[in-house]
Amino acid sequence: MTRETYHGWTNYETWMVGLWFNDGFDKHSGSELEADDYRDWVWNYLEDNTETTGFVADVITDFMGSVNWAELADHVRDAHKPEGPYGEDLCRNGAVIAECECC
């Protein structure tokens, strides 16, 4: 069985949410983002900016149920991962991950 993807993402819904929301995280919040945080942030935006009942709400709820929130959070965290002076990845405490003893 072949798994279908969309532009390298799990599906169209995940790609679309990432397209609209990935740039909304600053370096600090993005580096510690979890899937539930990402989902809550998008849902809060939707609740503030769309109908909460009726057809549109049903369509949005169905669409959002297909989003891979963990994939989106991983992408944002990777984009905001701190780098050392030679491009190596750093742990949350600023040590080079290959040499880290704290995490």
Protein backbone atom coordinates (compact mmCIF):
# COMPACT_ATOMS: atom_id res chain seq x y z
CA MET A 1 0.00 0.00 0.00
CA THR A 2 1.42 3.38 -1.02
CA ARG A 3 1.14 6.29 1.34
CA GLU A 4 0.16 9.45 -0.47
CA THR A 5 1.85 12.69 0.49
CA TYR A 6 1.48 16.29 -0.58
CA HIS A 7 4.61 18.35 -1.34
CA GLY A 8 6.55 16.14 1.09
CA TRP A 9 4.02 16.49 3.93
CA THR A 10 1.70 13.79 5.29
CA ASN A 11 -1.28 15.19 3.36
CA TYR A 12 -2.79 18.32 1.85
CA GLU A 13 -4.31 19.44 5.15
CA THR A 14 -0.97 19.34 6.97
CA TRP A 15 0.76 21.19 4.13
CA MET A 16 -1.95 23.88 4.04
CA VAL A 17 -1.86 24.56 7.80
CA GLY A 18 1.94 24.70 7.69
CA LEU A 19 1.82 27.08 4.74
CA TRP A 20 -0.40 29.51 6.64
CA PHE A 21 0.92 29.14 10.18
CA ASN A 22 4.57 27.94 10.31
CA ASP A 23 5.98 31.46 10.02
CA GLY A 24 3.91 32.60 13.01
CA PHE A 25 6.29 31.17 15.58
CA ASP A 26 9.23 33.19 16.80
CA LYS A 27 12.60 31.61 17.52
CA HIS A 28 11.91 31.06 21.23
CA SER A 29 8.38 29.68 21.03
CA GLY A 30 9.22 27.62 17.95
CA SER A 31 12.17 25.88 19.53
CA GLU A 32 10.01 24.32 22.24
CA LEU A 33 6.78 23.83 20.29
CA GLU A 34 4.80 20.62 20.87
CA ALA A 35 2.06 19.20 18.65
CA ASP A 36 -0.70 20.09 21.15
CA ASP A 37 0.56 23.68 21.37
CA TYR A 38 0.53 24.01 17.60
CA ARG A 39 -3.00 22.56 17.35
CA ASP A 40 -4.33 24.80 20.13
CA TRP A 41 -2.79 27.90 18.55
CA VAL A 42 -4.43 27.18 15.18
CA TRP A 43 -7.78 26.27 16.76
CA ASN A 44 -7.76 29.48 18.80
CA TYR A 45 -7.14 31.45 15.62
CA LEU A 46 -10.01 29.66 13.88
CA GLU A 47 -12.40 30.20 16.77
CA ASP A 48 -11.61 33.92 16.74
CA ASN A 49 -11.95 34.28 12.97
CA THR A 50 -14.64 31.88 11.71
CA GLU A 51 -18.14 30.64 12.36
CA THR A 52 -18.42 28.28 15.31
CA THR A 53 -21.53 26.45 14.08
CA GLY A 54 -23.03 25.31 10.81
CA PHE A 55 -21.62 24.04 7.56
CA VAL A 56 -18.37 26.03 7.60
CA ALA A 57 -17.56 24.87 11.12
CA ASP A 58 -18.22 21.24 10.12
CA VAL A 59 -15.94 21.53 7.09
CA ILE A 60 -13.17 23.13 9.17
CA THR A 61 -13.49 20.47 11.89
CA ASP A 62 -13.23 17.68 9.32
CA PHE A 63 -10.25 19.33 7.60
CA MET A 64 -8.42 19.94 10.87
CA GLY A 65 -8.94 16.33 11.95
CA SER A 66 -6.63 15.24 9.13
CA VAL A 67 -3.71 17.51 10.09
CA ASN A 68 -0.54 15.85 11.36
CA TRP A 69 0.21 18.23 14.25
CA ALA A 70 3.35 16.35 15.34
CA GLU A 71 4.86 16.73 11.88
CA LEU A 72 4.17 20.47 11.88
CA ALA A 73 5.62 20.95 15.38
CA ASP A 74 8.73 18.94 14.42
CA HIS A 75 9.22 21.13 11.37
CA VAL A 76 8.94 24.36 13.37
CA ARG A 77 11.28 23.06 16.11
CA ASP A 78 13.85 22.03 13.49
CA ALA A 79 13.62 25.44 11.84
CA HIS A 80 14.31 27.14 15.18
CA LYS A 81 16.99 24.75 16.45
CA PRO A 82 19.99 26.69 17.74
CA GLU A 83 23.24 26.25 15.84
CA GLY A 84 26.80 26.53 17.02
CA PRO A 85 29.46 28.62 15.27
CA TYR A 86 30.29 25.75 12.88
CA GLY A 87 26.69 24.85 12.05
CA GLU A 88 26.41 22.00 14.54
CA ASP A 89 23.11 21.44 16.36
CA LEU A 90 23.00 22.57 19.98
CA CYS A 91 21.00 21.12 22.85
CA ARG A 92 18.54 23.19 24.86
CA ASN A 93 21.38 24.29 27.16
CA GLY A 94 23.65 25.43 24.34
CA ALA A 95 26.07 22.48 24.27
CA VAL A 96 26.96 20.75 21.01
CA ILE A 97 24.57 17.77 20.87
CA ALA A 98 27.35 15.31 19.96
CA GLU A 99 29.15 16.31 23.16
CA CYS A 100 26.09 16.96 25.36
CA GLU A 101 25.98 15.40 28.81
CA CYS A 102 23.07 17.40 30.18
CA CYS A 103 20.17 16.24 27.99
